[in-house]
Amino acid sequence: MKLDRIIVNPKRMNGQPCIRNLRITVRRLMELLAIYSISIHF
């Protein structure tokens, strides 16, 4: 299994890990999941 969706580029988003080809950090994604996962019912 190849995990290449998370990239680190010092020139993008201050070198924070980001989702490939998007300007959203992994940290922000995890924050959004933590906040809104309470209201999501499967």
N, C-alpha and C. Protein backbone atom coordinates (compact mmCIF):
# COMPACT_ATOMS: atom_id res chain seq x y z
N MET A 1 0.84 -1.17 0.00
CA MET A 1 0.00 0.00 0.00
C MET A 1 0.89 1.24 0.00
N LYS A 2 0.68 2.10 -0.95
CA LYS A 2 1.48 3.30 -1.08
C LYS A 2 0.75 4.49 -0.47
N LEU A 3 1.39 5.14 0.50
CA LEU A 3 0.78 6.30 1.14
C LEU A 3 1.48 7.56 0.65
N ASP A 4 0.91 8.18 -0.37
CA ASP A 4 1.53 9.36 -0.93
C ASP A 4 0.59 10.57 -0.95
N ARG A 5 -0.43 10.54 -0.15
CA ARG A 5 -1.39 11.64 -0.13
C ARG A 5 -0.97 12.77 0.81
N ILE A 6 -0.11 12.49 1.75
CA ILE A 6 0.38 13.50 2.67
C ILE A 6 1.79 13.88 2.24
N ILE A 7 1.98 15.18 1.99
CA ILE A 7 3.28 15.65 1.54
C ILE A 7 3.79 16.74 2.49
N VAL A 8 5.10 16.91 2.50
CA VAL A 8 5.73 17.99 3.27
C VAL A 8 6.61 18.75 2.31
N ASN A 9 6.30 20.01 2.13
CA ASN A 9 7.07 20.89 1.25
C ASN A 9 7.37 22.16 2.04
N PRO A 10 8.65 22.47 2.27
CA PRO A 10 9.00 23.65 3.06
C PRO A 10 8.49 24.96 2.46
N LYS A 11 8.19 24.97 1.17
CA LYS A 11 7.72 26.19 0.52
C LYS A 11 6.20 26.34 0.57
N ARG A 12 5.52 25.35 1.08
CA ARG A 12 4.06 25.39 1.12
C ARG A 12 3.58 25.23 2.55
N MET A 13 2.74 26.13 2.99
CA MET A 13 2.13 26.08 4.32
C MET A 13 3.17 25.95 5.44
N ASN A 14 4.27 26.67 5.30
CA ASN A 14 5.34 26.70 6.32
C ASN A 14 5.90 25.32 6.64
N GLY A 15 5.87 24.41 5.69
CA GLY A 15 6.46 23.10 5.88
C GLY A 15 5.61 22.12 6.67
N GLN A 16 4.37 22.48 6.96
CA GLN A 16 3.50 21.56 7.68
C GLN A 16 3.00 20.47 6.74
N PRO A 17 2.75 19.28 7.26
CA PRO A 17 2.22 18.21 6.41
C PRO A 17 0.85 18.60 5.84
N CYS A 18 0.69 18.42 4.53
CA CYS A 18 -0.54 18.80 3.84
C CYS A 18 -1.08 17.63 3.03
N ILE A 19 -2.35 17.71 2.72
CA ILE A 19 -2.96 16.76 1.80
C ILE A 19 -2.51 17.14 0.40
N ARG A 20 -2.10 16.16 -0.38
CA ARG A 20 -1.53 16.39 -1.71
C ARG A 20 -2.43 17.28 -2.57
N ASN A 21 -1.82 18.28 -3.19
CA ASN A 21 -2.46 19.22 -4.12
C ASN A 21 -3.54 20.08 -3.50
N LEU A 22 -3.63 20.10 -2.19
CA LEU A 22 -4.57 20.98 -1.50
C LEU A 22 -3.80 21.81 -0.49
N ARG A 23 -4.31 22.95 -0.16
CA ARG A 23 -3.68 23.77 0.87
C ARG A 23 -4.44 23.62 2.18
N ILE A 24 -4.59 22.38 2.59
CA ILE A 24 -5.18 22.08 3.89
C ILE A 24 -4.20 21.19 4.64
N THR A 25 -3.90 21.59 5.85
CA THR A 25 -2.92 20.83 6.62
C THR A 25 -3.58 19.61 7.24
N VAL A 26 -2.78 18.64 7.55
CA VAL A 26 -3.27 17.44 8.22
C VAL A 26 -3.84 17.81 9.58
N ARG A 27 -3.19 18.76 10.24
CA ARG A 27 -3.68 19.22 11.55
C ARG A 27 -5.08 19.80 11.43
N ARG A 28 -5.32 20.63 10.43
CA ARG A 28 -6.64 21.24 10.25
C ARG A 28 -7.69 20.18 9.93
N LEU A 29 -7.33 19.22 9.12
CA LEU A 29 -8.26 18.14 8.80
C LEU A 29 -8.65 17.36 10.05
N MET A 30 -7.68 17.07 10.90
CA MET A 30 -7.97 16.35 12.14
C MET A 30 -8.83 17.19 13.08
N GLU A 31 -8.59 18.50 13.11
CA GLU A 31 -9.42 19.38 13.93
C GLU A 31 -10.87 19.38 13.44
N LEU A 32 -11.05 19.45 12.13
CA LEU A 32 -12.40 19.43 11.57
C LEU A 32 -13.11 18.12 11.86
N LEU A 33 -12.40 17.02 11.74
CA LEU A 33 -13.00 15.72 12.05
C LEU A 33 -13.39 15.63 13.52
N ALA A 34 -12.56 16.16 14.40
CA ALA A 34 -12.86 16.11 15.83
C ALA A 34 -14.07 16.96 16.17
N ILE A 35 -14.20 18.11 15.53
CA ILE A 35 -15.31 19.01 15.83
C ILE A 35 -16.63 18.50 15.26
N TYR A 36 -16.61 18.09 14.01
CA TYR A 36 -17.85 17.75 13.32
C TYR A 36 -18.20 16.27 13.33
N SER A 37 -17.35 15.43 13.86
CA SER A 37 -17.68 14.01 13.90
C SER A 37 -18.79 13.71 14.90
N ILE A 38 -19.00 14.60 15.84
CA ILE A 38 -20.07 14.40 16.82
C ILE A 38 -21.43 14.50 16.13
N SER A 39 -21.56 15.37 15.15
CA SER A 39 -22.84 15.57 14.49
C SER A 39 -23.08 14.62 13.32
N ILE A 40 -22.09 13.80 12.97
CA ILE A 40 -22.24 12.86 11.87
C ILE A 40 -22.72 11.52 12.41
N HIS A 41 -23.84 11.05 11.90
CA HIS A 41 -24.38 9.76 12.32
C HIS A 41 -24.40 8.82 11.13
N PHE A 42 -23.89 7.63 11.31
CA PHE A 42 -23.86 6.66 10.22
C PHE A 42 -25.04 5.74 10.30
